[in-house]
Amino acid sequence: MKQTLFKWINTGAAACCVALLLAGCGDGNAPARETIQKPDKTITVVEPDQSTDTKVAVSQIAQMDRTRGTSFITEDQLVTVKRNENEQKIAVEGEMMFPNNLYVHNLVTKQEEALYEQPAHQGFAKPSPDGKYLYYKLNNEESAHGYIMNMETRKSVELGKDVIDTTTGMWMDDTHVLFMTIEGKVIKAGVDGTSETIYDSEQRIFTAMPGEGGIYYVVNEVLYFLPDGSKQGEKLATDVVWVIPSPERKQLALVKRTTNTTRTLMITDAKGNEPIELGSATQVFGTSWSPDGKKLAYSLTSEGAGGDNGVFVADAISGDTVPIKLDVQYLSDDLGWSPSGKKIVAATYSQEQNDFITFVITLK
């Protein structure tokens, strides 16, 4: 499903594919403040400039038209993706189109510049925790190859010749990333281009993420933890769709399949125990930890009545959640946090504009 989403982004057939994944998250007629009582929790819906009893509150939401922001480098610099009309067109599924290249957009000056112009699709930009490097991918429809760019010199190194998953990868520290190949390898790569295979599976690995003293991976909806230096993974949980460890590796954002049509997002300890359920929906998308690990941003969409819909921010300790009122129909990328944890970037595709819109959410 993630590969289908990426293919949609490359070809421009956005609305048709993402509409199956993500539902609209706001109603312009909703009151400024509304409390929803559920059996397991209380949710407070707030508009900008409204405070809540939780630790999460929205101060401001800024809209940027015809921009697809994906991640923060600094508090005022966004990595964006846009068509580079200075480059020659490339063939995508039999059609000729301008390539999508990565840019840096300054939120203060409104100026932007290309990171590295080339006639190829660039995407999945993830800055290192210290902001000195950028992990990104060059994509050819549903296949990709990984690269790391030095943000000071703008020079990149290729991370091997293996075809990798188009939509996953995570920094392990300031100088190493972890990603999966289509063949089932889990690879650790450094900013100098060196790499090593940490785990090689005969089965398709759906998720591989760095943990404290090892890695997490999911095969056939079973979550395992593989300690450093070990060849045998420890089984932690079943019915797991995917998992994202917190920055300090002490908690997990974990999605379980609870019915054939329902996925439940929860926060657990590092072993998948002591769950705090945040919400259930048909799909869970865009999940992202704040840099300090105290908050979790995510998007839910439910096809039937009674499920949760929208973009949320949760307190990682209490589980208190605050829906963020955005004028969007479909969220198109993972939510991204600024280094301070005070801002969140969210992008959506607008059928009316036939282009992307980005929202920068500032928290109090």
Protein backbone atom coordinates (compact mmCIF):
# COMPACT_ATOMS: atom_id res chain seq x y z
CA MET A 1 0.00 0.00 0.00
CA LYS A 2 2.84 2.39 0.76
CA GLN A 3 4.33 1.67 -2.67
CA THR A 4 1.00 2.52 -4.29
CA LEU A 5 0.97 5.85 -2.45
CA PHE A 6 4.45 6.71 -3.69
CA LYS A 7 3.57 5.82 -7.27
CA TRP A 8 0.62 8.20 -7.02
CA ILE A 9 2.87 11.03 -5.88
CA ASN A 10 5.29 10.53 -8.78
CA THR A 11 2.68 10.39 -11.51
CA GLY A 12 0.39 13.12 -10.21
CA ALA A 13 -2.67 10.85 -9.93
CA ALA A 14 -2.84 11.91 -6.33
CA ALA A 15 -6.44 12.14 -5.35
CA CYS A 16 -7.51 8.73 -6.60
CA CYS A 17 -4.96 6.71 -4.66
CA VAL A 18 -4.69 8.62 -1.41
CA ALA A 19 -8.45 8.89 -1.11
CA LEU A 20 -8.46 5.16 -0.44
CA LEU A 21 -5.97 5.63 2.38
CA LEU A 22 -6.85 8.80 4.17
CA ALA A 23 -10.05 10.57 5.11
CA GLY A 24 -10.80 14.23 5.64
CA CYS A 25 -10.07 15.47 9.11
CA GLY A 26 -12.12 18.56 9.79
CA ASP A 27 -15.56 20.08 9.60
CA GLY A 28 -15.66 23.82 9.12
CA ASN A 29 -18.99 23.95 11.01
CA ALA A 30 -17.58 22.35 14.15
CA PRO A 31 -17.51 24.47 17.31
CA ALA A 32 -14.27 26.06 18.43
CA ARG A 33 -14.05 23.65 21.34
CA GLU A 34 -15.73 20.26 21.59
CA THR A 35 -15.26 17.37 24.02
CA ILE A 36 -15.88 13.84 22.79
CA GLN A 37 -16.44 11.16 25.42
CA LYS A 38 -15.28 7.68 24.49
CA PRO A 39 -15.20 4.56 26.68
CA ASP A 40 -11.41 4.60 27.06
CA LYS A 41 -10.55 8.31 26.82
CA THR A 42 -11.67 11.91 26.44
CA ILE A 43 -10.75 13.84 23.28
CA THR A 44 -10.85 17.63 23.15
CA VAL A 45 -11.15 19.20 19.69
CA VAL A 46 -9.60 22.67 19.47
CA GLU A 47 -9.19 25.38 16.88
CA PRO A 48 -6.02 27.55 16.77
CA ASP A 49 -5.67 29.89 19.76
CA GLN A 50 -7.80 27.62 21.94
CA SER A 51 -6.14 26.08 25.02
CA THR A 52 -6.82 22.63 26.42
CA ASP A 53 -6.32 20.82 29.69
CA THR A 54 -3.69 18.61 28.10
CA LYS A 55 -0.05 19.47 27.49
CA VAL A 56 -0.71 19.97 23.76
CA ALA A 57 -2.26 23.18 22.42
CA VAL A 58 -2.21 24.92 19.04
CA SER A 59 -1.01 28.51 18.73
CA GLN A 60 -1.07 29.07 14.97
CA ILE A 61 -1.54 27.29 11.64
CA ALA A 62 0.04 28.81 8.52
CA GLN A 63 -0.86 27.66 4.99
CA MET A 64 1.58 27.51 2.06
CA ASP A 65 0.00 27.00 -1.36
CA ARG A 66 1.63 25.02 -4.16
CA THR A 67 4.21 23.64 -1.75
CA ARG A 68 4.79 20.12 -0.45
CA GLY A 69 6.75 20.37 2.77
CA THR A 70 8.12 17.12 4.14
CA SER A 71 10.52 17.82 7.03
CA PHE A 72 12.30 20.52 9.03
CA ILE A 73 16.06 21.13 8.90
CA THR A 74 15.93 24.06 11.33
CA GLU A 75 13.05 25.94 12.96
CA ASP A 76 12.70 28.12 9.87
CA GLN A 77 13.90 25.83 7.07
CA LEU A 78 11.73 23.20 5.42
CA VAL A 79 12.68 20.50 2.97
CA THR A 80 10.13 20.61 0.16
CA VAL A 81 9.49 18.62 -3.01
CA LYS A 82 8.46 20.28 -6.26
CA ARG A 83 8.66 19.82 -9.99
CA ASN A 84 11.94 21.17 -11.34
CA GLU A 85 11.07 22.82 -14.63
CA ASN A 86 14.72 23.77 -15.16
CA GLU A 87 15.52 20.12 -15.79
CA GLN A 88 14.65 17.98 -18.79
CA LYS A 89 11.54 15.87 -18.62
CA ILE A 90 11.79 12.18 -17.74
CA ALA A 91 9.62 9.21 -18.68
CA VAL A 92 7.20 7.98 -16.01
CA GLU A 93 4.84 5.17 -17.01
CA GLY A 94 5.00 6.20 -20.64
CA GLU A 95 4.47 9.90 -19.96
CA MET A 96 7.03 12.70 -20.00
CA MET A 97 7.11 14.94 -16.94
CA PHE A 98 9.45 17.24 -15.06
CA PRO A 99 11.31 15.50 -12.22
CA ASN A 100 10.48 16.09 -8.57
CA ASN A 101 13.55 17.61 -6.88
CA LEU A 102 14.29 18.53 -3.26
CA TYR A 103 14.41 22.18 -2.18
CA VAL A 104 15.07 24.13 1.02
CA HIS A 105 12.31 26.66 1.78
CA ASN A 106 12.96 29.47 4.26
CA LEU A 107 9.80 30.21 6.24
CA VAL A 108 10.98 33.72 7.13
CA THR A 109 12.28 35.02 3.79
CA LYS A 110 9.98 32.79 1.68
CA GLN A 111 13.00 32.02 -0.51
CA GLU A 112 13.86 28.52 -1.70
CA GLU A 113 16.72 26.83 -3.49
CA ALA A 114 17.24 23.38 -4.99
CA LEU A 115 19.51 21.10 -2.98
CA TYR A 116 20.82 19.33 -6.07
CA GLU A 117 19.20 19.61 -9.47
CA GLN A 118 19.07 16.48 -11.60
CA PRO A 119 16.73 14.77 -14.12
CA ALA A 120 15.50 12.19 -11.60
CA HIS A 121 12.77 11.93 -8.98
CA GLN A 122 14.07 12.76 -5.50
CA GLY A 123 12.00 12.04 -2.42
CA PHE A 124 11.68 10.70 1.13
CA ALA A 125 13.95 13.38 2.64
CA LYS A 126 14.85 12.75 6.29
CA PRO A 127 17.40 15.08 7.98
CA SER A 128 19.79 13.57 10.51
CA PRO A 129 19.06 14.47 14.15
CA ASP A 130 21.79 17.12 14.10
CA GLY A 131 20.65 18.48 10.72
CA LYS A 132 24.07 18.02 9.06
CA TYR A 133 23.02 15.26 6.65
CA LEU A 134 19.97 14.36 4.58
CA TYR A 135 18.88 10.81 3.79
CA TYR A 136 16.88 10.71 0.57
CA LYS A 137 16.00 8.41 -2.33
CA LEU A 138 16.11 8.49 -6.10
CA ASN A 139 13.02 6.78 -7.40
CA ASN A 140 12.02 5.03 -10.57
CA GLU A 141 8.29 4.39 -10.20
CA GLU A 142 8.06 1.79 -7.37
CA SER A 143 11.79 1.13 -6.89
CA ALA A 144 14.39 3.34 -5.22
CA HIS A 145 18.05 3.71 -4.25
CA GLY A 146 19.27 5.44 -1.11
CA TYR A 147 21.63 8.42 -0.76
CA ILE A 148 23.01 10.62 2.01
CA MET A 149 23.75 14.29 1.30
CA ASN A 150 26.19 16.45 3.25
CA MET A 151 24.12 19.60 3.82
CA GLU A 152 27.19 21.85 3.92
CA THR A 153 28.86 20.65 0.71
CA ARG A 154 25.65 19.42 -1.03
CA LYS A 155 27.58 16.32 -2.10
CA SER A 156 25.90 12.91 -1.88
CA VAL A 157 27.05 9.32 -1.51
CA GLU A 158 25.08 6.34 -2.81
CA LEU A 159 24.19 3.67 -0.26
CA GLY A 160 24.87 0.58 -2.35
CA LYS A 161 23.17 -0.80 -5.44
CA ASP A 162 20.34 -2.68 -3.72
CA VAL A 163 16.80 -1.71 -4.67
CA ILE A 164 15.16 -0.48 -1.48
CA ASP A 165 11.69 0.17 -0.17
CA THR A 166 10.44 3.54 -1.41
CA THR A 167 8.78 4.77 1.76
CA THR A 168 10.79 3.62 4.80
CA GLY A 169 14.09 4.37 6.51
CA MET A 170 15.18 5.91 9.81
CA TRP A 171 18.26 7.55 11.28
CA MET A 172 19.93 5.40 13.95
CA ASP A 173 22.09 8.31 15.16
CA ASP A 174 23.68 11.43 13.63
CA THR A 175 25.77 9.44 11.11
CA HIS A 176 23.95 6.17 10.32
CA VAL A 177 20.62 5.20 8.75
CA LEU A 178 18.70 1.93 8.75
CA PHE A 179 16.67 0.79 5.74
CA MET A 180 15.25 -2.30 4.05
CA THR A 181 15.82 -3.77 0.62
CA ILE A 182 13.14 -5.37 -1.52
CA GLU A 183 14.96 -8.71 -1.16
CA GLY A 184 14.59 -8.76 2.63
CA LYS A 185 17.88 -7.31 3.85
CA VAL A 186 18.12 -4.81 6.71
CA ILE A 187 21.08 -2.51 6.06
CA LYS A 188 22.94 -0.03 8.24
CA ALA A 189 24.69 2.68 6.21
CA GLY A 190 26.97 5.55 7.20
CA VAL A 191 27.39 9.10 5.92
CA ASP A 192 30.65 8.00 4.24
CA GLY A 193 28.73 5.51 2.06
CA THR A 194 29.85 2.36 3.86
CA SER A 195 27.16 -0.18 4.69
CA GLU A 196 26.64 -3.53 6.37
CA THR A 197 23.82 -6.06 6.33
CA ILE A 198 22.44 -6.43 9.85
CA TYR A 199 19.77 -9.00 9.03
CA ASP A 200 18.88 -11.03 5.96
CA SER A 201 15.42 -12.57 5.82
CA GLU A 202 14.01 -15.01 3.31
CA GLN A 203 10.62 -13.39 3.89
CA ARG A 204 9.45 -9.87 3.12
CA ILE A 205 10.19 -7.52 6.01
CA PHE A 206 7.45 -4.92 6.32
CA THR A 207 9.12 -2.74 8.96
CA ALA A 208 12.69 -2.44 10.28
CA MET A 209 13.55 0.19 12.88
CA PRO A 210 16.49 0.89 15.22
CA GLY A 211 16.07 0.12 18.91
CA GLU A 212 18.20 0.28 22.03
CA GLY A 213 20.89 -2.37 21.55
CA GLY A 214 19.33 -3.89 18.44
CA ILE A 215 16.62 -3.53 15.80
CA TYR A 216 12.88 -4.14 15.56
CA TYR A 217 11.40 -5.81 12.50
CA VAL A 218 8.01 -7.13 11.43
CA VAL A 219 7.48 -10.28 9.35
CA ASN A 220 3.98 -11.67 8.68
CA GLU A 221 2.52 -9.31 11.32
CA VAL A 222 4.88 -10.62 14.03
CA LEU A 223 7.11 -8.11 15.81
CA TYR A 224 10.65 -9.22 16.64
CA PHE A 225 13.61 -7.62 18.38
CA LEU A 226 17.08 -8.62 17.17
CA PRO A 227 19.85 -7.78 19.69
CA ASP A 228 23.15 -6.51 18.32
CA GLY A 229 25.40 -9.41 17.31
CA SER A 230 22.56 -11.95 17.41
CA LYS A 231 21.16 -13.98 14.51
CA GLN A 232 17.91 -14.92 16.23
CA GLY A 233 15.13 -12.38 16.82
CA GLU A 234 13.03 -12.36 19.99
CA LYS A 235 9.29 -12.54 19.36
CA LEU A 236 7.52 -9.63 21.07
CA ALA A 237 3.97 -9.36 19.70
CA THR A 238 1.55 -10.63 17.05
CA ASP A 239 -0.94 -8.87 14.72
CA VAL A 240 1.52 -5.97 14.38
CA VAL A 241 1.31 -3.90 11.20
CA TRP A 242 4.27 -1.60 11.90
CA VAL A 243 6.26 -0.02 14.72
CA ILE A 244 8.20 3.24 15.27
CA PRO A 245 10.50 3.55 18.33
CA SER A 246 10.68 6.86 20.19
CA PRO A 247 13.89 8.90 19.83
CA GLU A 248 15.28 7.66 23.15
CA ARG A 249 14.16 4.06 22.23
CA LYS A 250 12.21 3.62 25.47
CA GLN A 251 8.72 3.55 23.93
CA LEU A 252 7.12 2.24 20.76
CA ALA A 253 4.38 3.66 18.57
CA LEU A 254 2.79 0.40 17.53
CA VAL A 255 -0.10 -0.37 15.19
CA LYS A 256 -1.98 -3.63 15.61
CA ARG A 257 -4.61 -5.22 13.40
CA THR A 258 -7.54 -5.63 15.78
CA THR A 259 -10.10 -6.73 13.16
CA ASN A 260 -9.98 -7.33 9.41
CA THR A 261 -10.82 -3.67 8.82
CA THR A 262 -9.52 -1.95 11.96
CA ARG A 263 -6.04 -0.85 13.00
CA THR A 264 -5.32 0.38 16.52
CA LEU A 265 -2.50 2.79 17.34
CA MET A 266 -0.95 2.45 20.78
CA ILE A 267 2.10 3.52 22.75
CA THR A 268 3.92 0.72 24.57
CA ASP A 269 7.17 0.16 26.41
CA ALA A 270 10.26 -1.07 24.51
CA LYS A 271 9.02 -4.68 24.65
CA GLY A 272 5.55 -3.98 23.33
CA ASN A 273 3.92 -4.17 26.77
CA GLU A 274 1.86 -1.74 28.90
CA PRO A 275 -0.12 -0.37 25.94
CA ILE A 276 -1.87 3.00 25.94
CA GLU A 277 -4.42 2.96 23.12
CA LEU A 278 -4.66 6.25 21.22
CA GLY A 279 -7.27 5.44 18.59
CA SER A 280 -8.68 2.91 16.13
CA ALA A 281 -9.39 3.42 12.45
CA THR A 282 -9.30 1.77 9.06
CA GLN A 283 -5.87 3.29 8.42
CA VAL A 284 -3.15 4.88 10.55
CA PHE A 285 -0.78 7.13 8.64
CA GLY A 286 1.90 9.82 9.04
CA THR A 287 2.98 8.83 12.55
CA SER A 288 5.93 10.82 13.89
CA TRP A 289 7.55 11.28 17.32
CA SER A 290 8.56 14.73 18.54
CA PRO A 291 12.36 15.09 18.94
CA ASP A 292 12.14 14.83 22.74
CA GLY A 293 9.88 11.77 22.57
CA LYS A 294 7.14 13.42 24.64
CA LYS A 295 4.54 13.74 21.87
CA LEU A 296 3.29 11.67 18.95
CA ALA A 297 1.64 13.08 15.83
CA TYR A 298 -0.45 10.87 13.56
CA SER A 299 -3.41 10.68 11.20
CA LEU A 300 -6.42 8.36 11.38
CA THR A 301 -9.10 7.59 8.83
CA SER A 302 -12.21 5.47 9.33
CA GLU A 303 -14.49 4.25 6.57
CA GLY A 304 -17.38 3.37 8.87
CA ALA A 305 -19.22 5.20 11.63
CA GLY A 306 -17.76 5.39 15.12
CA GLY A 307 -14.07 5.46 14.22
CA ASP A 308 -11.60 8.30 14.63
CA ASN A 309 -10.70 10.64 11.76
CA GLY A 310 -8.17 13.43 11.42
CA VAL A 311 -4.72 14.61 12.48
CA PHE A 312 -3.89 14.20 16.16
CA VAL A 313 -1.11 14.98 18.64
CA ALA A 314 -0.88 12.79 21.74
CA ASP A 315 0.96 13.16 25.02
CA ALA A 316 3.23 10.09 25.14
CA ILE A 317 2.95 9.69 28.92
CA SER A 318 -0.74 10.27 29.62
CA GLY A 319 -2.15 9.33 26.23
CA ASP A 320 -4.19 12.56 26.12
CA THR A 321 -4.92 13.45 22.50
CA VAL A 322 -5.69 16.72 20.71
CA PRO A 323 -7.08 16.66 17.14
CA ILE A 324 -5.61 19.43 14.97
CA LYS A 325 -8.21 21.22 12.89
CA LEU A 326 -6.79 21.46 9.37
CA ASP A 327 -8.58 22.44 6.17
CA VAL A 328 -7.48 19.30 4.35
CA GLN A 329 -9.09 16.36 2.65
CA TYR A 330 -6.14 13.99 2.44
CA LEU A 331 -2.79 13.91 4.22
CA SER A 332 -0.05 12.95 1.75
CA ASP A 333 3.13 12.48 3.82
CA ASP A 334 4.40 11.65 7.28
CA LEU A 335 3.99 14.50 9.72
CA GLY A 336 7.31 16.24 10.43
CA TRP A 337 8.52 17.97 13.62
CA SER A 338 10.86 20.96 13.93
CA PRO A 339 14.00 20.45 16.08
CA SER A 340 12.41 22.24 19.06
CA GLY A 341 9.20 20.21 18.87
CA LYS A 342 7.20 23.44 18.61
CA LYS A 343 6.20 23.10 14.94
CA ILE A 344 4.68 20.35 12.79
CA VAL A 345 4.55 20.25 9.00
CA ALA A 346 1.68 18.54 7.18
CA ALA A 347 1.11 18.33 3.43
CA THR A 348 -1.98 17.52 1.42
CA TYR A 349 -2.91 17.34 -2.26
CA SER A 350 -5.51 19.84 -3.43
CA GLN A 351 -7.71 18.77 -6.33
CA GLU A 352 -8.86 22.36 -6.71
CA GLN A 353 -5.31 23.70 -7.11
CA ASN A 354 -4.05 20.52 -8.78
CA ASP A 355 -1.03 20.84 -6.52
CA PHE A 356 0.14 20.35 -2.94
CA ILE A 357 -0.66 22.55 0.06
CA THR A 358 1.48 22.62 3.19
CA PHE A 359 0.43 23.55 6.71
CA VAL A 360 2.91 24.61 9.38
CA ILE A 361 1.35 24.06 12.83
CA THR A 362 2.87 25.98 15.74
CA LEU A 363 2.23 24.60 19.21
CA LYS A 364 2.07 26.65 22.42
